[in-house]
Every structure is written in C-alpha cells, then in structure tokens.
Amino acid sequence: MEKSCVRHLQSSAMKQAVSELSLPVPWGEIRGKVWGPDHGRPVLCLHGWADNCGTFNTLIPLLPKECKYVAVDLAGHGLSSHRPAGVFYNFPAYLMDVRRVVEALQWSKFSIIGHSMGGNIAGMFSSLYPDMVDAVVLLDSYGFLPTDPKEMIKVMRQGIDQMIQFEQKMGEKKTRVYTYEKAVERLLAANPTLSESSVRILLERGVVEVEGGVAFTRDFRINLKNISRISLEQALEVQSAIQASILVILAEDGFEKIFAEPEQKKFISALLQAYRDRNDLVRTVPGDHHVHLNNPEVVASHVSDFLQNKVLTQSAKLTEKQASTS
C-alpha cells in the first residue's frame, strides 16, 4: 500500500498501462513512471547521467509482467526538481534520494535495474542496505567507478572551483531556447551512442516548452565534476557487502570502450572479477552504451531470465514454504 504522499498522474501512453509518479522531497518533487500491477514484485529503475527515466521506455514492456517497475528521474534530470542553490550533485545525495523513494513507496524488499551512473548508485545502495535489495541488474555499468587516489585531490578541487565559477555566472546565464528539431540535433551530437528515435524518447522528459521553442530540463550543475570519490580498495570492500544476486550486462562498444581511461580499465577488470568470484552473472552483448534503449531485445532476454530465476521463482518458493508451514 502506498502512502498518500505519492501522487499518480495518468499518462497518455495508457496502451502500456503506464502512470506518472510524483514524490514530494524537501526541495520539490521526484518524478517518474510506473509500469505493471500494483502488487507486482517491486523493481526500481535508475537511469544514467544526463538521461531520464525514459531510458527504460522500450525495455520494460519486454520484461516479466508480474513485476511493478518504478523508473525515476533522478534529481536535476527529466521532470524532477533541481537541487537547491549551492548544492552539489554527488553520490551520497543520490543514495539519499533512492532511500526517500523506497520509503515513500513503502518497499522493504525490491530489485534494482541501473544503467551507467544509475548502476553505480544501485551498487552502493545495495551494499548500504543489503537486506532491502534482492537482485541488481547493471546495464553497461560496474556498480562502482573507482578513482585513482593520486587523482582525488585534483578532481575534488576541480569540482569545487567549477561550482564557484558556476555561481559567479548564475546572474548572467539565460535559458537557451531551441526549436524542437535543434534540440534533437544537439542531443544526437552530444550522445553518439543514441539513435534518433532514442533521442526523441529522452526528449519527452528532457525538454520543456518555453516561449519561442523548448529548453532542456536538466540542471547544468550535473556537468560539474563529482567531488565524491572512492578508491578501488574501497569499492571492493563496499562491493563485498552486497548480498543481492547480480547480473552485469556489458555492451561490446559500451562504457569501457568509449569513456574509460587506461587507469579505470584496470579497476573495471578487478570489479568484474570480484563479481565472477561471487558467482554473479557477467554477460556481454553486441551494441553500445545505450543498447538497452536503442535495441532493447538484445538485453531483454538476459534481464527477464534473471528476474524470473532470482526474484519471481524465489518469491514463489518462499510463498509455498510459508503456506505449507502455516
């Protein structure tokens, strides 16, 4: 049963029985979309950096219908409120947001599907609350993205200096207005791993109509350097606290090929080996960083089998066991 503070706003895409979600937070609201039956097995879906919950629009309809999928726009993304002035976008704040969301939904046990940055939030949350998360799907993500300790001071200083510069220029900044087609062009240019149809899906929540055209909804501050960092040693220690079953789906032309620096590739290898050592599943599929949105059928069978085996079947067995002992 959901608390009364959760508002459902009916979506026009009723052919997939999708509803809009609004959760109040101290600085505004976190918005999202809901698929599936009210009493379905809960699955939280977390998008990647600079995307929004539309990133799951094509994948979720291909997944098990017995689950209830809640995909949220993380703060500063999509239709969710921007963080208050002077506040950083960092991982502890996103973890707090996830905790707020599951508290509002009154979920005590749930699964997480996370893409890219959303997968890193999923990894950290699952280690902090191992009793709450039963299964995690990492879509072209490793659950953590460590930083070389030698780089930390430089990166943190960059982030702080960028925030100061941003605040000094705030008064001069005017909202940039685009025609819708120019917004499509801009997002395509900035994200070469997105197909044009995927760009248009993300723009459903990624732009808002303003006088003279459309403006992007995301907060510019998400572009500033993240000042919250962990080392590989810390990441492996935190990773070891996860109790959930994990499925890692990597794209052949995904994150490691496009974004990872040489030092990070060594970290990625160590993290993946740690998952294998835990008997978690690591799968590689053809495609790029947004394969789950561009070509969802490539990943859907892996995700569906995993949810069926690790969540739905386990849940059914538990129900039978409880019934037989009562």
Protein backbone atom coordinates (compact mmCIF):
# COMPACT_ATOMS: atom_id res chain seq x y z
CA MET A 1 0.00 0.00 0.00
CA GLU A 2 1.49 3.35 -0.98
CA LYS A 3 1.39 6.39 1.24
CA SER A 4 -0.96 9.21 0.36
CA CYS A 5 2.01 11.47 -0.43
CA VAL A 6 2.54 9.53 -3.66
CA ARG A 7 0.59 11.17 -6.46
CA HIS A 8 -0.17 9.20 -9.62
CA LEU A 9 -0.66 11.36 -12.69
CA GLN A 10 -2.23 9.41 -15.53
CA SER A 11 -0.10 9.21 -18.65
CA SER A 12 -1.34 9.47 -22.21
CA ALA A 13 0.52 6.23 -23.04
CA MET A 14 -2.22 4.13 -21.50
CA LYS A 15 -1.75 1.39 -24.09
CA GLN A 16 1.10 0.15 -21.88
CA ALA A 17 -0.78 0.97 -18.65
CA VAL A 18 1.88 3.47 -17.63
CA SER A 19 1.24 6.07 -14.96
CA GLU A 20 3.22 9.12 -13.93
CA LEU A 21 4.62 9.29 -10.41
CA SER A 22 5.33 12.31 -8.23
CA LEU A 23 7.05 12.02 -4.84
CA PRO A 24 7.49 15.09 -2.63
CA VAL A 25 11.04 15.79 -1.40
CA PRO A 26 12.22 18.71 0.77
CA TRP A 27 13.23 20.83 -2.26
CA GLY A 28 10.37 19.90 -4.63
CA GLU A 29 9.49 16.58 -6.23
CA ILE A 30 11.00 13.48 -7.76
CA ARG A 31 9.04 12.42 -10.81
CA GLY A 32 8.93 9.06 -12.55
CA LYS A 33 6.89 6.46 -14.40
CA VAL A 34 5.24 3.25 -13.22
CA TRP A 35 4.60 0.09 -15.22
CA GLY A 36 2.88 -3.10 -14.08
CA PRO A 37 0.39 -4.29 -11.46
CA ASP A 38 0.05 -2.52 -8.09
CA HIS A 39 1.03 -5.65 -6.18
CA GLY A 40 3.74 -6.81 -8.59
CA ARG A 41 7.26 -7.59 -7.39
CA PRO A 42 8.87 -4.13 -6.99
CA VAL A 43 11.73 -3.13 -9.30
CA LEU A 44 13.35 0.31 -9.12
CA CYS A 45 14.90 1.55 -12.37
CA LEU A 46 17.70 4.15 -12.26
CA HIS A 47 18.88 5.93 -15.41
CA GLY A 48 22.35 7.13 -16.39
CA TRP A 49 23.98 10.55 -16.16
CA ALA A 50 22.18 13.30 -18.13
CA ASP A 51 19.41 10.86 -19.21
CA ASN A 52 15.99 10.42 -17.59
CA CYS A 53 13.59 7.58 -16.81
CA GLY A 54 12.50 7.46 -20.47
CA THR A 55 15.67 5.41 -20.98
CA PHE A 56 13.61 2.37 -19.86
CA ASN A 57 10.59 3.02 -22.14
CA THR A 58 11.50 0.38 -24.71
CA LEU A 59 12.95 -2.25 -22.33
CA ILE A 60 10.33 -2.52 -19.59
CA PRO A 61 7.47 -3.67 -21.89
CA LEU A 62 9.68 -6.70 -22.77
CA LEU A 63 10.26 -7.73 -19.13
CA PRO A 64 8.18 -10.02 -16.87
CA LYS A 65 4.65 -8.70 -16.42
CA GLU A 66 4.49 -9.92 -12.79
CA CYS A 67 6.79 -7.07 -11.69
CA LYS A 68 5.94 -3.48 -10.86
CA TYR A 69 8.60 -1.20 -12.37
CA VAL A 70 9.14 2.29 -10.97
CA ALA A 71 11.60 4.34 -13.03
CA VAL A 72 12.51 7.71 -11.54
CA ASP A 73 14.03 10.89 -12.94
CA LEU A 74 16.98 11.47 -10.60
CA ALA A 75 17.18 14.96 -9.09
CA GLY A 76 18.19 17.55 -11.70
CA HIS A 77 17.19 15.24 -14.56
CA GLY A 78 13.99 14.87 -16.58
CA LEU A 79 10.95 16.32 -14.84
CA SER A 80 12.35 16.09 -11.28
CA SER A 81 13.17 19.25 -9.34
CA HIS A 82 16.70 20.64 -9.41
CA ARG A 83 18.64 20.58 -6.16
CA PRO A 84 18.63 23.80 -4.11
CA ALA A 85 21.14 26.55 -4.98
CA GLY A 86 24.67 25.88 -3.73
CA VAL A 87 24.22 22.09 -3.52
CA PHE A 88 26.39 19.55 -5.34
CA TYR A 89 25.12 16.58 -7.34
CA ASN A 90 27.04 13.69 -5.79
CA PHE A 91 26.56 10.03 -4.95
CA PRO A 92 25.62 10.37 -1.26
CA ALA A 93 22.81 12.74 -2.31
CA TYR A 94 21.53 10.30 -4.96
CA LEU A 95 21.64 7.46 -2.41
CA MET A 96 19.56 9.59 -0.06
CA ASP A 97 17.06 10.18 -2.89
CA VAL A 98 16.71 6.42 -3.50
CA ARG A 99 16.13 5.92 0.21
CA ARG A 100 13.42 8.62 0.13
CA VAL A 101 11.75 6.99 -2.89
CA VAL A 102 11.58 3.49 -1.39
CA GLU A 103 10.38 4.93 1.92
CA ALA A 104 7.54 6.77 0.15
CA LEU A 105 6.64 3.61 -1.79
CA GLN A 106 6.86 1.58 1.44
CA TRP A 107 9.09 -1.03 -0.18
CA SER A 108 11.00 -3.24 2.24
CA LYS A 109 12.39 -5.64 -0.41
CA PHE A 110 12.93 -4.80 -4.06
CA SER A 111 15.21 -5.24 -7.08
CA ILE A 112 17.12 -2.55 -8.98
CA ILE A 113 17.88 -2.13 -12.68
CA GLY A 114 20.51 0.58 -13.18
CA HIS A 115 22.11 1.95 -16.33
CA SER A 116 25.57 3.55 -16.19
CA MET A 117 25.52 6.08 -13.30
CA GLY A 118 22.23 4.53 -12.15
CA GLY A 119 24.07 1.22 -11.87
CA ASN A 120 26.74 2.85 -9.69
CA ILE A 121 24.01 4.21 -7.41
CA ALA A 122 22.47 0.70 -7.35
CA GLY A 123 25.78 -0.90 -6.37
CA MET A 124 26.40 1.47 -3.49
CA PHE A 125 22.79 1.39 -2.25
CA SER A 126 22.76 -2.43 -2.32
CA SER A 127 25.86 -2.52 -0.12
CA LEU A 128 24.44 0.03 2.35
CA TYR A 129 21.06 -1.76 2.55
CA PRO A 130 21.82 -5.41 1.72
CA ASP A 131 18.63 -6.57 3.44
CA MET A 132 16.44 -4.42 1.17
CA VAL A 133 17.78 -5.36 -2.27
CA ASP A 134 17.34 -8.93 -3.56
CA ALA A 135 18.62 -8.57 -7.14
CA VAL A 136 20.53 -6.00 -9.19
CA VAL A 137 20.86 -5.63 -12.98
CA LEU A 138 23.76 -3.44 -14.08
CA LEU A 139 23.31 -2.21 -17.67
CA ASP A 140 26.72 -1.23 -19.07
CA SER A 141 27.79 -0.39 -15.53
CA TYR A 142 30.09 -1.94 -12.95
CA GLY A 143 28.25 -0.89 -9.81
CA PHE A 144 31.16 1.38 -8.87
CA LEU A 145 33.57 3.64 -10.76
CA PRO A 146 36.75 3.99 -8.67
CA THR A 147 39.22 6.85 -8.92
CA ASP A 148 43.00 6.63 -8.54
CA PRO A 149 43.76 8.09 -5.08
CA LYS A 150 46.51 10.20 -6.70
CA GLU A 151 43.80 11.94 -8.78
CA MET A 152 41.31 12.58 -5.97
CA ILE A 153 42.69 15.90 -4.72
CA LYS A 154 42.79 17.32 -8.26
CA VAL A 155 39.27 16.10 -9.12
CA MET A 156 37.71 17.37 -5.87
CA ARG A 157 39.37 20.76 -6.30
CA GLN A 158 38.12 20.96 -9.90
CA GLY A 159 34.56 20.26 -8.75
CA ILE A 160 34.67 22.93 -6.05
CA ASP A 161 36.21 25.52 -8.40
CA GLN A 162 33.63 24.72 -11.09
CA MET A 163 30.80 25.31 -8.61
CA ILE A 164 32.27 28.68 -7.61
CA GLN A 165 32.55 29.68 -11.29
CA PHE A 166 29.01 28.49 -11.96
CA GLU A 167 27.64 30.53 -9.04
CA GLN A 168 29.52 33.65 -10.15
CA LYS A 169 27.95 33.43 -13.61
CA MET A 170 24.44 32.49 -12.47
CA GLY A 171 23.07 36.01 -12.88
CA GLU A 172 24.32 36.22 -16.46
CA LYS A 173 23.01 32.82 -17.55
CA LYS A 174 19.92 32.89 -19.71
CA THR A 175 17.90 29.81 -20.57
CA ARG A 176 18.90 28.68 -24.04
CA VAL A 177 15.91 28.18 -26.30
CA TYR A 178 15.91 25.74 -29.22
CA THR A 179 13.45 24.60 -31.82
CA TYR A 180 12.48 21.00 -31.09
CA GLU A 181 14.48 19.74 -34.11
CA LYS A 182 17.56 21.72 -32.98
CA ALA A 183 17.23 20.09 -29.54
CA VAL A 184 17.18 16.69 -31.28
CA GLU A 185 20.32 17.64 -33.22
CA ARG A 186 22.09 18.85 -30.08
CA LEU A 187 21.34 15.71 -28.08
CA LEU A 188 22.38 13.48 -31.01
CA ALA A 189 25.67 15.36 -31.33
CA ALA A 190 26.34 15.11 -27.58
CA ASN A 191 25.38 11.40 -27.40
CA PRO A 192 26.66 9.49 -30.43
CA THR A 193 25.51 6.22 -28.81
CA LEU A 194 21.84 7.24 -29.09
CA SER A 195 19.67 6.51 -32.13
CA GLU A 196 17.41 9.33 -33.30
CA SER A 197 14.31 7.52 -32.03
CA SER A 198 16.00 7.11 -28.62
CA VAL A 199 16.81 10.82 -28.54
CA ARG A 200 13.14 11.63 -29.17
CA ILE A 201 12.12 9.30 -26.32
CA LEU A 202 14.53 11.03 -23.90
CA LEU A 203 13.33 14.45 -25.03
CA GLU A 204 9.77 13.61 -23.89
CA ARG A 205 11.07 14.42 -20.40
CA GLY A 206 14.29 16.14 -21.43
CA VAL A 207 12.81 19.38 -22.77
CA VAL A 208 10.00 21.68 -21.74
CA GLU A 209 8.08 24.16 -23.87
CA VAL A 210 9.05 27.80 -23.32
CA GLU A 211 8.37 30.99 -25.19
CA GLY A 212 9.95 30.66 -28.61
CA GLY A 213 10.62 26.93 -28.52
CA VAL A 214 11.91 24.37 -26.00
CA ALA A 215 14.54 24.36 -23.25
CA PHE A 216 16.41 21.40 -21.75
CA THR A 217 15.07 20.45 -18.32
CA ARG A 218 18.27 19.12 -16.75
CA ASP A 219 20.29 21.15 -14.28
CA PHE A 220 23.60 22.39 -15.68
CA ARG A 221 25.26 21.52 -12.35
CA ILE A 222 25.14 17.81 -13.22
CA ASN A 223 28.03 18.61 -15.61
CA LEU A 224 30.31 19.71 -12.79
CA LYS A 225 32.95 17.26 -11.54
CA ASN A 226 31.62 14.85 -8.95
CA ILE A 227 33.57 15.60 -5.76
CA SER A 228 32.56 12.35 -4.02
CA ARG A 229 35.10 9.66 -4.97
CA ILE A 230 36.21 6.22 -3.78
CA SER A 231 39.34 4.18 -4.48
CA LEU A 232 39.40 0.66 -5.93
CA GLU A 233 40.22 -0.75 -2.49
CA GLN A 234 37.19 1.00 -1.00
CA ALA A 235 34.96 -0.07 -3.93
CA LEU A 236 35.92 -3.74 -3.50
CA GLU A 237 35.29 -3.55 0.25
CA VAL A 238 31.85 -1.97 -0.30
CA GLN A 239 31.08 -4.43 -3.13
CA SER A 240 31.71 -7.34 -0.75
CA ALA A 241 28.81 -6.16 1.45
CA ILE A 242 26.23 -6.71 -1.32
CA GLN A 243 24.01 -9.73 -0.66
CA ALA A 244 21.81 -9.38 -3.75
CA SER A 245 22.18 -11.58 -6.84
CA ILE A 246 23.79 -9.51 -9.61
CA LEU A 247 23.59 -9.57 -13.40
CA VAL A 248 26.13 -7.40 -15.24
CA ILE A 249 25.31 -6.76 -18.90
CA LEU A 250 28.17 -5.10 -20.78
CA ALA A 251 27.91 -3.66 -24.29
CA GLU A 252 30.73 -4.61 -26.70
CA ASP A 253 31.09 -0.97 -27.77
CA GLY A 254 29.96 0.44 -24.43
CA PHE A 255 31.34 2.35 -21.48
CA GLU A 256 34.77 0.73 -21.30
CA LYS A 257 35.50 1.36 -24.97
CA ILE A 258 34.14 4.90 -25.14
CA PHE A 259 34.61 6.55 -21.75
CA ALA A 260 37.07 4.62 -19.60
CA GLU A 261 40.58 5.99 -19.13
CA PRO A 262 43.51 3.49 -19.07
CA GLU A 263 43.69 3.51 -15.26
CA GLN A 264 39.92 2.89 -14.98
CA LYS A 265 40.16 -0.17 -17.24
CA LYS A 266 42.31 -1.89 -14.61
CA PHE A 267 39.74 -1.01 -11.94
CA ILE A 268 36.89 -2.32 -14.11
CA SER A 269 38.69 -5.62 -14.61
CA ALA A 270 39.12 -6.03 -10.83
CA LEU A 271 35.44 -5.24 -10.14
CA LEU A 272 34.23 -7.70 -12.79
CA GLN A 273 36.49 -10.43 -11.42
CA ALA A 274 35.04 -9.82 -7.95
CA TYR A 275 31.51 -10.35 -9.35
CA ARG A 276 32.62 -13.58 -11.04
CA ASP A 277 34.23 -14.75 -7.79
CA ARG A 278 30.82 -14.26 -6.11
CA ASN A 279 29.22 -16.40 -8.86
CA ASP A 280 27.34 -13.40 -10.23
CA LEU A 281 26.49 -13.33 -13.93
CA VAL A 282 28.54 -11.19 -16.34
CA ARG A 283 27.23 -11.10 -19.91
CA THR A 284 28.43 -9.18 -22.97
CA VAL A 285 26.01 -8.19 -25.74
CA PRO A 286 26.52 -6.52 -29.13
CA GLY A 287 25.74 -2.81 -29.06
CA ASP A 288 26.81 0.45 -27.49
CA HIS A 289 26.31 2.28 -24.21
CA HIS A 290 22.56 2.80 -24.81
CA VAL A 291 21.84 -0.67 -26.25
CA HIS A 292 19.04 -1.19 -23.67
CA LEU A 293 17.17 1.75 -25.22
CA ASN A 294 18.26 1.51 -28.87
CA ASN A 295 17.88 -2.28 -29.20
CA PRO A 296 16.14 -3.50 -26.02
CA GLU A 297 15.52 -7.01 -27.34
CA VAL A 298 19.30 -7.63 -27.15
CA VAL A 299 19.27 -7.31 -23.35
CA ALA A 300 15.62 -8.16 -22.52
CA SER A 301 16.02 -11.96 -22.55
CA HIS A 302 19.00 -11.79 -20.15
CA VAL A 303 17.17 -9.45 -17.77
CA SER A 304 13.91 -11.43 -17.97
CA ASP A 305 15.61 -14.77 -17.24
CA PHE A 306 17.49 -13.24 -14.33
CA LEU A 307 14.38 -11.67 -12.76
CA GLN A 308 12.44 -14.90 -13.32
CA ASN A 309 15.12 -17.08 -11.68
CA LYS A 310 16.38 -14.81 -8.92
CA VAL A 311 13.24 -12.89 -7.95
CA LEU A 312 9.95 -14.36 -9.17
CA THR A 313 10.78 -18.09 -8.74
CA GLN A 314 12.44 -17.48 -5.36
CA SER A 315 9.41 -15.47 -4.25
CA ALA A 316 7.03 -18.24 -5.35
CA LYS A 317 9.08 -20.85 -3.46
CA LEU A 318 9.05 -18.71 -0.33
CA THR A 319 5.26 -18.25 -0.56
CA GLU A 320 4.78 -22.03 -0.95
CA LYS A 321 7.05 -22.71 2.02
CA GLN A 322 5.15 -20.21 4.19
CA ALA A 323 1.83 -21.71 3.10
CA SER A 324 2.96 -25.25 3.94
CA THR A 325 4.13 -24.28 7.44
CA SER A 326 1.09 -22.20 8.33
